[in-house]
Amino acid sequence: MSAGYLIVDYGGPRQEYDTGMCVHCGLPFVIAVGSRRKRHVCRLCNGPTCIAEDGAGGIVGNRRCLECYPIERKLDDVESGKLPLSAL
C-alpha cells in the first residue's frame, strides 16, 4: 500500500514515515502505525482513501472521497473537457 516515503530532518531527531496516496483525490497521507486510525478502503476500486476514523468516532480526510471517483478518471475527464480543471 505504500506510495512513498517521507523524511523529516529539521531541528530535532530525524523521523521517517511510509506514505500512501488516496485513490480518489491523490492526497498523500502518512501511514501512522499504532495510531488506531482505521483507514478506509474503497470497495469499488479496492484502493486506500484519505478518509480515516480518528479514534474518537470522528472522520478525518476529504469527505468528497466517500464517493468512488478515482483520480485517474478525473484526470482523463479534465483532459477530454468533460470536467473543468478547477474540479480537481
C-alpha atoms as a PDB file:
ATOM      1  CA  MET A   1       0.000   0.000   0.000  1.00  0.00           C
ATOM      2  CA  SER A   2       2.947   2.317   0.453  1.00  0.00           C
ATOM      3  CA  ALA A   3       3.090   5.045  -2.179  1.00  0.00           C
ATOM      4  CA  GLY A   4       6.199   6.796  -0.956  1.00  0.00           C
ATOM      5  CA  TYR A   5       8.459   7.765   1.883  1.00  0.00           C
ATOM      6  CA  LEU A   6       8.745  10.934   3.972  1.00  0.00           C
ATOM      7  CA  ILE A   7      11.857  12.021   5.858  1.00  0.00           C
ATOM      8  CA  VAL A   8      11.588  14.895   8.348  1.00  0.00           C
ATOM      9  CA  ASP A   9      15.015  16.167   9.395  1.00  0.00           C
ATOM     10  CA  TYR A  10      14.991  19.669  10.891  1.00  0.00           C
ATOM     11  CA  GLY A  11      15.849  20.864  14.385  1.00  0.00           C
ATOM     12  CA  GLY A  12      15.313  17.540  16.086  1.00  0.00           C
ATOM     13  CA  PRO A  13      15.665  13.815  15.667  1.00  0.00           C
ATOM     14  CA  ARG A  14      15.257  12.500  12.150  1.00  0.00           C
ATOM     15  CA  GLN A  15      11.816  10.966  11.578  1.00  0.00           C
ATOM     16  CA  GLU A  16      10.891   8.624   8.735  1.00  0.00           C
ATOM     17  CA  TYR A  17       7.398   7.627   7.604  1.00  0.00           C
ATOM     18  CA  ASP A  18       5.778   5.476   4.953  1.00  0.00           C
ATOM     19  CA  THR A  19       3.135   7.330   2.964  1.00  0.00           C
ATOM     20  CA  GLY A  20       0.095   6.301   0.995  1.00  0.00           C
ATOM     21  CA  MET A  21      -1.941   8.059  -1.672  1.00  0.00           C
ATOM     22  CA  CYS A  22      -5.716   8.403  -1.852  1.00  0.00           C
ATOM     23  CA  VAL A  23      -7.070   6.709  -4.977  1.00  0.00           C
ATOM     24  CA  HIS A  24      -9.886   9.274  -5.201  1.00  0.00           C
ATOM     25  CA  CYS A  25      -8.146  12.653  -4.759  1.00  0.00           C
ATOM     26  CA  GLY A  26      -4.417  11.879  -4.935  1.00  0.00           C
ATOM     27  CA  LEU A  27      -3.799  13.326  -1.456  1.00  0.00           C
ATOM     28  CA  PRO A  28      -0.736  11.819   0.214  1.00  0.00           C
ATOM     29  CA  PHE A  29      -1.106  10.686   3.826  1.00  0.00           C
ATOM     30  CA  VAL A  30       1.251   9.328   6.460  1.00  0.00           C
ATOM     31  CA  ILE A  31       0.754   5.701   7.421  1.00  0.00           C
ATOM     32  CA  ALA A  32       0.903   6.016  11.197  1.00  0.00           C
ATOM     33  CA  VAL A  33       1.475   2.562  12.668  1.00  0.00           C
ATOM     34  CA  GLY A  34      -0.167   2.231  16.067  1.00  0.00           C
ATOM     35  CA  SER A  35      -2.316   5.356  15.712  1.00  0.00           C
ATOM     36  CA  ARG A  36      -5.541   3.330  15.963  1.00  0.00           C
ATOM     37  CA  ARG A  37      -6.806   5.159  12.891  1.00  0.00           C
ATOM     38  CA  LYS A  38      -8.878   2.937  10.657  1.00  0.00           C
ATOM     39  CA  ARG A  39      -8.084   3.857   7.047  1.00  0.00           C
ATOM     40  CA  HIS A  40     -10.994   3.434   4.650  1.00  0.00           C
ATOM     41  CA  VAL A  41     -10.546   1.326   1.523  1.00  0.00           C
ATOM     42  CA  CYS A  42     -12.876   1.878  -1.442  1.00  0.00           C
ATOM     43  CA  ARG A  43     -14.784  -1.320  -2.146  1.00  0.00           C
ATOM     44  CA  LEU A  44     -15.311  -0.434  -5.811  1.00  0.00           C
ATOM     45  CA  CYS A  45     -11.734   0.382  -6.868  1.00  0.00           C
ATOM     46  CA  ASN A  46     -10.063  -1.532  -3.996  1.00  0.00           C
ATOM     47  CA  GLY A  47      -7.660   1.219  -3.012  1.00  0.00           C
ATOM     48  CA  PRO A  48      -6.873   3.300   0.093  1.00  0.00           C
ATOM     49  CA  THR A  49      -8.587   6.649   0.563  1.00  0.00           C
ATOM     50  CA  CYS A  50      -7.686   9.703   2.637  1.00  0.00           C
ATOM     51  CA  ILE A  51     -10.780   9.079   4.789  1.00  0.00           C
ATOM     52  CA  ALA A  52      -9.994   7.655   8.235  1.00  0.00           C
ATOM     53  CA  GLU A  53     -11.646   7.347  11.615  1.00  0.00           C
ATOM     54  CA  ASP A  54      -9.828   9.474  14.187  1.00  0.00           C
ATOM     55  CA  GLY A  55     -10.215   7.026  17.090  1.00  0.00           C
ATOM     56  CA  ALA A  56     -12.846   9.176  18.824  1.00  0.00           C
ATOM     57  CA  GLY A  57     -15.604   8.229  16.393  1.00  0.00           C
ATOM     58  CA  GLY A  58     -14.999  11.170  14.051  1.00  0.00           C
ATOM     59  CA  ILE A  59     -13.956  11.122  10.419  1.00  0.00           C
ATOM     60  CA  VAL A  60     -10.926  12.955   9.025  1.00  0.00           C
ATOM     61  CA  GLY A  61      -9.999  13.461   5.380  1.00  0.00           C
ATOM     62  CA  ASN A  62     -11.688  14.781   2.253  1.00  0.00           C
ATOM     63  CA  ARG A  63     -15.397  13.908   2.506  1.00  0.00           C
ATOM     64  CA  ARG A  64     -15.718  14.049  -1.290  1.00  0.00           C
ATOM     65  CA  CYS A  65     -13.637  10.866  -1.314  1.00  0.00           C
ATOM     66  CA  LEU A  66     -16.507   8.883   0.200  1.00  0.00           C
ATOM     67  CA  GLU A  67     -17.850   8.647  -3.370  1.00  0.00           C
ATOM     68  CA  CYS A  68     -15.860   6.441  -5.768  1.00  0.00           C
ATOM     69  CA  TYR A  69     -14.451   8.773  -8.423  1.00  0.00           C
ATOM     70  CA  PRO A  70     -10.793   7.780  -8.899  1.00  0.00           C
ATOM     71  CA  ILE A  71      -8.185  10.468  -9.560  1.00  0.00           C
ATOM     72  CA  GLU A  72      -7.119   8.770 -12.808  1.00  0.00           C
ATOM     73  CA  ARG A  73     -10.671   9.031 -14.158  1.00  0.00           C
ATOM     74  CA  LYS A  74     -10.885  12.668 -13.021  1.00  0.00           C
ATOM     75  CA  LEU A  75      -7.665  13.479 -14.881  1.00  0.00           C
ATOM     76  CA  ASP A  76      -8.994  11.752 -18.011  1.00  0.00           C
ATOM     77  CA  ASP A  77     -12.236  13.762 -17.724  1.00  0.00           C
ATOM     78  CA  VAL A  78     -10.277  17.030 -17.393  1.00  0.00           C
ATOM     79  CA  GLU A  79      -8.144  16.175 -20.444  1.00  0.00           C
ATOM     80  CA  SER A  80     -11.223  15.365 -22.525  1.00  0.00           C
ATOM     81  CA  GLY A  81     -13.007  18.565 -21.439  1.00  0.00           C
ATOM     82  CA  LYS A  82     -15.799  16.804 -19.525  1.00  0.00           C
ATOM     83  CA  LEU A  83     -14.626  18.311 -16.231  1.00  0.00           C
ATOM     84  CA  PRO A  84     -13.128  21.759 -15.517  1.00  0.00           C
ATOM     85  CA  LEU A  85      -9.609  21.890 -14.115  1.00  0.00           C
ATOM     86  CA  SER A  86     -10.964  23.632 -11.002  1.00  0.00           C
ATOM     87  CA  ALA A  87     -12.839  20.409 -10.082  1.00  0.00           C
ATOM     88  CA  LEU A  88      -9.590  18.703  -9.106  1.00  0.00           C
END
